[in-house]
PDB file of N, CA and C in Angstrom:
ATOM      1  N   MET A   1      27.668  12.333  84.709  1.00  0.00           N
ATOM      2  CA  MET A   1      26.545  13.117  84.570  1.00  0.00           C
ATOM      3  C   MET A   1      25.816  12.247  83.444  1.00  0.00           C
ATOM      4  N   LEU A   2      26.139  12.330  82.288  1.00  0.00           N
ATOM      5  CA  LEU A   2      25.728  11.883  81.079  1.00  0.00           C
ATOM      6  C   LEU A   2      26.648  10.419  80.609  1.00  0.00           C
ATOM      7  N   ASP A   3      25.564   9.658  80.203  1.00  0.00           N
ATOM      8  CA  ASP A   3      26.307   8.259  79.644  1.00  0.00           C
ATOM      9  C   ASP A   3      26.514   8.239  78.312  1.00  0.00           C
ATOM     10  N   ILE A   4      27.594   9.191  77.910  1.00  0.00           N
ATOM     11  CA  ILE A   4      28.064   9.133  76.835  1.00  0.00           C
ATOM     12  C   ILE A   4      28.592   8.054  76.196  1.00  0.00           C
ATOM     13  N   THR A   5      28.167   7.178  75.306  1.00  0.00           N
ATOM     14  CA  THR A   5      28.680   5.859  74.828  1.00  0.00           C
ATOM     15  C   THR A   5      29.415   5.983  73.707  1.00  0.00           C
ATOM     16  N   GLU A   6      29.526   7.028  72.791  1.00  0.00           N
ATOM     17  CA  GLU A   6      30.304   7.114  71.650  1.00  0.00           C
ATOM     18  C   GLU A   6      30.255   8.635  71.234  1.00  0.00           C
ATOM     19  N   ILE A   7      31.601   8.791  70.839  1.00  0.00           N
ATOM     20  CA  ILE A   7      31.772  10.477  70.231  1.00  0.00           C
ATOM     21  C   ILE A   7      32.594   9.971  68.982  1.00  0.00           C
ATOM     22  N   ARG A   8      31.978  10.843  67.754  1.00  0.00           N
ATOM     23  CA  ARG A   8      32.792  10.487  66.537  1.00  0.00           C
ATOM     24  C   ARG A   8      33.027  12.280  66.280  1.00  0.00           C
ATOM     25  N   ILE A   9      34.148  12.222  65.886  1.00  0.00           N
ATOM     26  CA  ILE A   9      34.516  13.769  65.623  1.00  0.00           C
ATOM     27  C   ILE A   9      34.889  13.674  64.072  1.00  0.00           C
ATOM     28  N   LYS A  10      34.538  14.694  63.281  1.00  0.00           N
ATOM     29  CA  LYS A  10      34.948  15.262  61.978  1.00  0.00           C
ATOM     30  C   LYS A  10      35.692  16.492  61.966  1.00  0.00           C
ATOM     31  N   LYS A  11      36.967  16.436  61.794  1.00  0.00           N
ATOM     32  CA  LYS A  11      37.949  17.599  61.955  1.00  0.00           C
ATOM     33  C   LYS A  11      37.773  18.327  60.647  1.00  0.00           C
ATOM     34  N   ILE A  12      37.664  19.924  60.898  1.00  0.00           N
ATOM     35  CA  ILE A  12      37.623  20.863  59.867  1.00  0.00           C
ATOM     36  C   ILE A  12      38.697  21.618  59.784  1.00  0.00           C
ATOM     37  N   ASP A  13      39.074  22.262  60.896  1.00  0.00           N
ATOM     38  CA  ASP A  13      40.068  22.963  60.882  1.00  0.00           C
ATOM     39  C   ASP A  13      40.247  24.263  60.232  1.00  0.00           C
ATOM     40  N   LYS A  14      39.070  25.183  60.137  1.00  0.00           N
ATOM     41  CA  LYS A  14      39.107  26.440  59.471  1.00  0.00           C
ATOM     42  C   LYS A  14      39.160  27.586  60.302  1.00  0.00           C
ATOM     43  N   GLY A  15      40.100  27.917  60.482  1.00  0.00           N
ATOM     44  CA  GLY A  15      40.043  29.214  61.485  1.00  0.00           C
ATOM     45  C   GLY A  15      40.126  28.694  62.694  1.00  0.00           C
ATOM     46  N   ASN A  16      39.012  29.317  63.361  1.00  0.00           N
ATOM     47  CA  ASN A  16      38.953  28.791  64.973  1.00  0.00           C
ATOM     48  C   ASN A  16      37.613  27.552  65.037  1.00  0.00           C
ATOM     49  N   PHE A  17      37.059  27.456  64.042  1.00  0.00           N
ATOM     50  CA  PHE A  17      36.373  26.355  63.695  1.00  0.00           C
ATOM     51  C   PHE A  17      37.017  24.758  63.829  1.00  0.00           C
ATOM     52  N   LEU A  18      36.857  24.028  64.630  1.00  0.00           N
ATOM     53  CA  LEU A  18      37.747  22.807  64.744  1.00  0.00           C
ATOM     54  C   LEU A  18      37.166  21.728  64.126  1.00  0.00           C
ATOM     55  N   GLY A  19      35.627  21.711  64.242  1.00  0.00           N
ATOM     56  CA  GLY A  19      34.975  20.418  63.517  1.00  0.00           C
ATOM     57  C   GLY A  19      33.783  20.209  63.946  1.00  0.00           C
ATOM     58  N   TYR A  20      33.155  19.331  63.632  1.00  0.00           N
ATOM     59  CA  TYR A  20      31.846  18.480  64.051  1.00  0.00           C
ATOM     60  C   TYR A  20      31.937  17.377  65.156  1.00  0.00           C
ATOM     61  N   ALA A  21      31.181  17.209  66.190  1.00  0.00           N
ATOM     62  CA  ALA A  21      30.863  16.002  67.000  1.00  0.00           C
ATOM     63  C   ALA A  21      29.697  15.375  66.642  1.00  0.00           C
ATOM     64  N   ASN A  22      29.321  14.127  66.997  1.00  0.00           N
ATOM     65  CA  ASN A  22      28.360  13.481  67.056  1.00  0.00           C
ATOM     66  C   ASN A  22      28.457  12.381  68.265  1.00  0.00           C
ATOM     67  N   ILE A  23      27.455  12.602  69.360  1.00  0.00           N
ATOM     68  CA  ILE A  23      27.540  11.823  70.476  1.00  0.00           C
ATOM     69  C   ILE A  23      26.259  10.778  70.542  1.00  0.00           C
ATOM     70  N   CYS A  24      26.719   9.858  71.127  1.00  0.00           N
ATOM     71  CA  CYS A  24      25.590   8.776  71.471  1.00  0.00           C
ATOM     72  C   CYS A  24      25.441   8.983  73.118  1.00  0.00           C
ATOM     73  N   ILE A  25      24.334   8.915  73.464  1.00  0.00           N
ATOM     74  CA  ILE A  25      23.932   8.883  74.832  1.00  0.00           C
ATOM     75  C   ILE A  25      23.179   7.603  75.235  1.00  0.00           C
ATOM     76  N   SER A  26      24.110   6.934  76.130  1.00  0.00           N
ATOM     77  CA  SER A  26      23.186   5.454  76.785  1.00  0.00           C
ATOM     78  C   SER A  26      23.040   4.369  75.429  1.00  0.00           C
ATOM     79  N   ASP A  27      23.692   4.503  74.695  1.00  0.00           N
ATOM     80  CA  ASP A  27      23.619   3.823  73.291  1.00  0.00           C
ATOM     81  C   ASP A  27      22.007   3.937  72.780  1.00  0.00           C
ATOM     82  N   ASP A  28      21.405   4.977  73.177  1.00  0.00           N
ATOM     83  CA  ASP A  28      19.937   5.005  72.853  1.00  0.00           C
ATOM     84  C   ASP A  28      19.576   6.622  72.268  1.00  0.00           C
ATOM     85  N   PHE A  29      20.370   7.433  72.215  1.00  0.00           N
ATOM     86  CA  PHE A  29      19.859   8.812  71.483  1.00  0.00           C
ATOM     87  C   PHE A  29      21.560   9.316  71.183  1.00  0.00           C
ATOM     88  N   ILE A  30      21.164   9.855  69.809  1.00  0.00           N
ATOM     89  CA  ILE A  30      22.046  10.632  69.183  1.00  0.00           C
ATOM     90  C   ILE A  30      21.841  11.869  68.803  1.00  0.00           C
ATOM     91  N   ILE A  31      23.065  12.967  68.988  1.00  0.00           N
ATOM     92  CA  ILE A  31      23.146  14.176  68.766  1.00  0.00           C
ATOM     93  C   ILE A  31      24.236  14.269  67.771  1.00  0.00           C
ATOM     94  N   ARG A  32      23.754  15.180  66.474  1.00  0.00           N
ATOM     95  CA  ARG A  32      24.584  15.111  65.575  1.00  0.00           C
ATOM     96  C   ARG A  32      24.857  16.600  65.631  1.00  0.00           C
ATOM     97  N   ASP A  33      26.183  16.982  64.724  1.00  0.00           N
ATOM     98  CA  ASP A  33      26.539  18.179  64.478  1.00  0.00           C
ATOM     99  C   ASP A  33      26.763  19.105  65.452  1.00  0.00           C
ATOM    100  N   ILE A  34      27.310  18.872  66.719  1.00  0.00           N
ATOM    101  CA  ILE A  34      27.543  19.788  67.838  1.00  0.00           C
ATOM    102  C   ILE A  34      29.022  20.361  66.958  1.00  0.00           C
ATOM    103  N   LYS A  35      29.100  21.801  67.060  1.00  0.00           N
ATOM    104  CA  LYS A  35      30.291  22.533  66.464  1.00  0.00           C
ATOM    105  C   LYS A  35      31.273  22.729  67.766  1.00  0.00           C
ATOM    106  N   LEU A  36      32.732  22.620  67.276  1.00  0.00           N
ATOM    107  CA  LEU A  36      33.645  22.671  68.415  1.00  0.00           C
ATOM    108  C   LEU A  36      34.463  23.720  67.612  1.00  0.00           C
ATOM    109  N   PHE A  37      34.724  24.963  68.618  1.00  0.00           N
ATOM    110  CA  PHE A  37      35.526  26.097  68.251  1.00  0.00           C
ATOM    111  C   PHE A  37      36.659  26.405  69.460  1.00  0.00           C
ATOM    112  N   ASP A  38      37.771  26.991  68.711  1.00  0.00           N
ATOM    113  CA  ASP A  38      38.502  27.178  69.554  1.00  0.00           C
ATOM    114  C   ASP A  38      38.626  28.858  69.841  1.00  0.00           C
ATOM    115  N   GLY A  39      38.380  29.380  70.800  1.00  0.00           N
ATOM    116  CA  GLY A  39      38.097  30.874  70.977  1.00  0.00           C
ATOM    117  C   GLY A  39      39.371  31.556  71.580  1.00  0.00           C
ATOM    118  N   LYS A  40      39.198  32.729  71.997  1.00  0.00           N
ATOM    119  CA  LYS A  40      40.329  33.592  72.629  1.00  0.00           C
ATOM    120  C   LYS A  40      40.376  33.059  74.223  1.00  0.00           C
ATOM    121  N   ASN A  41      39.102  32.434  74.682  1.00  0.00           N
ATOM    122  CA  ASN A  41      39.079  32.263  75.808  1.00  0.00           C
ATOM    123  C   ASN A  41      38.818  30.649  76.144  1.00  0.00           C
ATOM    124  N   GLY A  42      39.332  29.806  75.227  1.00  0.00           N
ATOM    125  CA  GLY A  42      39.630  28.517  75.032  1.00  0.00           C
ATOM    126  C   GLY A  42      38.204  27.915  74.370  1.00  0.00           C
ATOM    127  N   ARG A  43      38.374  26.701  74.270  1.00  0.00           N
ATOM    128  CA  ARG A  43      37.390  25.629  73.494  1.00  0.00           C
ATOM    129  C   ARG A  43      35.787  26.206  73.888  1.00  0.00           C
ATOM    130  N   TYR A  44      34.976  26.034  73.089  1.00  0.00           N
ATOM    131  CA  TYR A  44      33.316  26.207  73.287  1.00  0.00           C
ATOM    132  C   TYR A  44      32.852  25.437  72.095  1.00  0.00           C
ATOM    133  N   ILE A  45      31.506  24.930  72.459  1.00  0.00           N
ATOM    134  CA  ILE A  45      30.762  24.174  71.602  1.00  0.00           C
ATOM    135  C   ILE A  45      29.409  24.841  71.106  1.00  0.00           C
ATOM    136  N   ILE A  46      28.860  24.647  70.115  1.00  0.00           N
ATOM    137  CA  ILE A  46      27.595  25.220  69.872  1.00  0.00           C
ATOM    138  C   ILE A  46      26.725  23.903  69.457  1.00  0.00           C
ATOM    139  N   MET A  47      25.716  23.990  69.889  1.00  0.00           N
ATOM    140  CA  MET A  47      24.424  22.762  69.729  1.00  0.00           C
ATOM    141  C   MET A  47      23.915  22.891  68.574  1.00  0.00           C
ATOM    142  N   PRO A  48      23.464  21.662  67.876  1.00  0.00           N
ATOM    143  CA  PRO A  48      22.796  21.840  66.311  1.00  0.00           C
ATOM    144  C   PRO A  48      21.651  22.581  66.712  1.00  0.00           C
ATOM    145  N   GLY A  49      21.280  23.824  65.499  1.00  0.00           N
ATOM    146  CA  GLY A  49      20.052  24.660  65.330  1.00  0.00           C
ATOM    147  C   GLY A  49      20.243  24.971  63.984  1.00  0.00           C
ATOM    148  N   ALA A  50      19.285  25.985  63.874  1.00  0.00           N
ATOM    149  CA  ALA A  50      18.952  26.841  62.845  1.00  0.00           C
ATOM    150  C   ALA A  50      18.631  28.142  62.716  1.00  0.00           C
ATOM    151  N   ARG A  51      18.568  28.834  61.852  1.00  0.00           N
ATOM    152  CA  ARG A  51      18.500  30.309  61.939  1.00  0.00           C
ATOM    153  C   ARG A  51      16.775  30.338  61.496  1.00  0.00           C
ATOM    154  N   LEU A  52      16.414  31.144  62.034  1.00  0.00           N
ATOM    155  CA  LEU A  52      14.739  31.330  62.004  1.00  0.00           C
ATOM    156  C   LEU A  52      14.693  32.625  61.253  1.00  0.00           C
ATOM    157  N   LYS A  53      14.228  32.591  60.052  1.00  0.00           N
ATOM    158  CA  LYS A  53      14.541  33.570  59.119  1.00  0.00           C
ATOM    159  C   LYS A  53      13.356  34.828  59.502  1.00  0.00           C
ATOM    160  N   LYS A  54      12.325  34.226  59.964  1.00  0.00           N
ATOM    161  CA  LYS A  54      11.167  35.159  60.382  1.00  0.00           C
ATOM    162  C   LYS A  54      11.242  36.049  61.279  1.00  0.00           C
ATOM    163  N   GLU A  55      11.995  35.065  62.502  1.00  0.00           N
ATOM    164  CA  GLU A  55      12.220  36.036  63.938  1.00  0.00           C
ATOM    165  C   GLU A  55      13.756  36.530  63.629  1.00  0.00           C
ATOM    166  N   ASN A  56      14.669  36.189  62.843  1.00  0.00           N
ATOM    167  CA  ASN A  56      15.995  36.728  62.676  1.00  0.00           C
ATOM    168  C   ASN A  56      16.763  36.435  63.931  1.00  0.00           C
ATOM    169  N   ARG A  57      16.409  35.076  64.171  1.00  0.00           N
ATOM    170  CA  ARG A  57      17.410  34.599  65.524  1.00  0.00           C
ATOM    171  C   ARG A  57      17.808  33.270  65.063  1.00  0.00           C
ATOM    172  N   PHE A  58      18.659  32.613  65.799  1.00  0.00           N
ATOM    173  CA  PHE A  58      19.050  31.456  65.924  1.00  0.00           C
ATOM    174  C   PHE A  58      18.401  30.501  66.916  1.00  0.00           C
ATOM    175  N   ARG A  59      18.107  29.338  66.645  1.00  0.00           N
ATOM    176  CA  ARG A  59      17.301  28.277  67.757  1.00  0.00           C
ATOM    177  C   ARG A  59      17.896  27.051  67.774  1.00  0.00           C
ATOM    178  N   ASN A  60      18.582  26.455  68.944  1.00  0.00           N
ATOM    179  CA  ASN A  60      19.061  25.245  68.950  1.00  0.00           C
ATOM    180  C   ASN A  60      17.877  24.314  69.123  1.00  0.00           C
ATOM    181  N   PHE A  61      18.231  23.117  68.637  1.00  0.00           N
ATOM    182  CA  PHE A  61      17.369  21.856  68.352  1.00  0.00           C
ATOM    183  C   PHE A  61      17.531  21.035  69.621  1.00  0.00           C
ATOM    184  N   ALA A  62      18.603  20.939  70.234  1.00  0.00           N
ATOM    185  CA  ALA A  62      18.926  20.179  71.440  1.00  0.00           C
ATOM    186  C   ALA A  62      20.065  21.085  72.177  1.00  0.00           C
ATOM    187  N   TYR A  63      19.990  21.072  73.450  1.00  0.00           N
ATOM    188  CA  TYR A  63      20.887  21.710  74.390  1.00  0.00           C
ATOM    189  C   TYR A  63      20.730  21.225  75.914  1.00  0.00           C
ATOM    190  N   PRO A  64      21.867  21.182  76.185  1.00  0.00           N
ATOM    191  CA  PRO A  64      22.000  20.982  77.795  1.00  0.00           C
ATOM    192  C   PRO A  64      21.196  22.208  78.727  1.00  0.00           C
ATOM    193  N   ILE A  65      20.403  21.796  79.790  1.00  0.00           N
ATOM    194  CA  ILE A  65      20.014  22.698  80.555  1.00  0.00           C
ATOM    195  C   ILE A  65      20.992  23.212  81.550  1.00  0.00           C
ATOM    196  N   LYS A  66      21.544  22.393  82.103  1.00  0.00           N
ATOM    197  CA  LYS A  66      22.761  22.644  83.171  1.00  0.00           C
ATOM    198  C   LYS A  66      23.945  22.692  82.709  1.00  0.00           C
ATOM    199  N   ASP A  67      24.896  23.808  83.368  1.00  0.00           N
ATOM    200  CA  ASP A  67      25.887  24.319  82.999  1.00  0.00           C
ATOM    201  C   ASP A  67      27.139  23.181  83.268  1.00  0.00           C
ATOM    202  N   GLU A  68      26.981  22.300  84.183  1.00  0.00           N
ATOM    203  CA  GLU A  68      27.832  21.347  84.383  1.00  0.00           C
ATOM    204  C   GLU A  68      27.739  20.184  83.228  1.00  0.00           C
ATOM    205  N   VAL A  69      26.500  19.859  82.631  1.00  0.00           N
ATOM    206  CA  VAL A  69      26.605  18.959  81.410  1.00  0.00           C
ATOM    207  C   VAL A  69      27.146  19.621  80.379  1.00  0.00           C
ATOM    208  N   ARG A  70      26.922  20.942  79.998  1.00  0.00           N
ATOM    209  CA  ARG A  70      27.797  21.486  78.883  1.00  0.00           C
ATOM    210  C   ARG A  70      29.280  21.608  78.870  1.00  0.00           C
ATOM    211  N   LYS A  71      29.816  21.648  79.941  1.00  0.00           N
ATOM    212  CA  LYS A  71      30.926  21.532  80.547  1.00  0.00           C
ATOM    213  C   LYS A  71      31.565  20.194  80.304  1.00  0.00           C
ATOM    214  N   GLU A  72      30.694  19.263  80.902  1.00  0.00           N
ATOM    215  CA  GLU A  72      30.895  17.901  80.627  1.00  0.00           C
ATOM    216  C   GLU A  72      31.201  17.532  79.117  1.00  0.00           C
ATOM    217  N   LEU A  73      30.358  17.916  78.470  1.00  0.00           N
ATOM    218  CA  LEU A  73      30.177  17.817  76.914  1.00  0.00           C
ATOM    219  C   LEU A  73      31.113  18.130  76.255  1.00  0.00           C
ATOM    220  N   LEU A  74      31.878  19.401  76.322  1.00  0.00           N
ATOM    221  CA  LEU A  74      32.984  20.327  75.963  1.00  0.00           C
ATOM    222  C   LEU A  74      34.116  19.338  76.533  1.00  0.00           C
ATOM    223  N   GLU A  75      34.343  18.787  77.468  1.00  0.00           N
ATOM    224  CA  GLU A  75      35.606  18.240  78.057  1.00  0.00           C
ATOM    225  C   GLU A  75      35.670  17.025  77.334  1.00  0.00           C
ATOM    226  N   LYS A  76      34.482  16.166  77.232  1.00  0.00           N
ATOM    227  CA  LYS A  76      34.381  14.924  76.225  1.00  0.00           C
ATOM    228  C   LYS A  76      34.919  14.964  75.030  1.00  0.00           C
ATOM    229  N   ILE A  77      34.025  15.720  74.291  1.00  0.00           N
ATOM    230  CA  ILE A  77      34.595  16.375  72.905  1.00  0.00           C
ATOM    231  C   ILE A  77      35.943  16.877  72.746  1.00  0.00           C
ATOM    232  N   SER A  78      36.482  17.604  73.573  1.00  0.00           N
ATOM    233  CA  SER A  78      37.572  17.945  73.282  1.00  0.00           C
ATOM    234  C   SER A  78      39.144  16.975  73.555  1.00  0.00           C
ATOM    235  N   LYS A  79      38.388  16.131  74.265  1.00  0.00           N
ATOM    236  CA  LYS A  79      39.241  14.974  74.704  1.00  0.00           C
ATOM    237  C   LYS A  79      39.750  13.966  73.360  1.00  0.00           C
ATOM    238  N   LYS A  80      38.392  13.679  72.901  1.00  0.00           N
ATOM    239  CA  LYS A  80      38.203  13.021  71.464  1.00  0.00           C
ATOM    240  C   LYS A  80      38.721  13.565  70.534  1.00  0.00           C
ATOM    241  N   TYR A  81      38.611  14.905  70.306  1.00  0.00           N
ATOM    242  CA  TYR A  81      39.360  15.673  69.228  1.00  0.00           C
ATOM    243  C   TYR A  81      40.959  15.683  69.295  1.00  0.00           C
ATOM    244  N   ASP A  82      41.162  15.867  70.452  1.00  0.00           N
ATOM    245  CA  ASP A  82      42.831  15.749  70.807  1.00  0.00           C
ATOM    246  C   ASP A  82      43.125  14.380  70.407  1.00  0.00           C
ATOM    247  N   GLU A  83      42.684  13.376  70.713  1.00  0.00           N
ATOM    248  CA  GLU A  83      43.220  11.823  70.334  1.00  0.00           C
ATOM    249  C   GLU A  83      43.139  11.446  68.830  1.00  0.00           C
ATOM    250  N   GLU A  84      42.415  12.261  68.347  1.00  0.00           N
ATOM    251  CA  GLU A  84      42.229  12.117  66.857  1.00  0.00           C
ATOM    252  C   GLU A  84      43.230  12.299  66.137  1.00  0.00           C
ATOM    253  N   ASN A  85      44.266  11.740  65.165  1.00  0.00           N
ATOM    254  CA  ASN A  85      45.003  12.510  64.462  1.00  0.00           C
ATOM    255  C   ASN A  85      45.143  12.814  63.090  1.00  0.00           C
TER     256      ASN A  85
END
């Protein structure tokens, strides 16, 4: 689905927080600071965003619209994370 041309991982390993991923799509578009977690139902990602204080909620800056794309991102980021020593 996505032409992910590069993935960079910064391992943190603090509890269930595993680290950050930066991805490059088609050598043209970068998304930074995708968070990778290990939960009780498996790994999951949280896209970059910020807490909106006035509205008391979190808002993502960029995110996949289709569930298949989110799953693809998770699989590719997890694979790269596992390859890193």
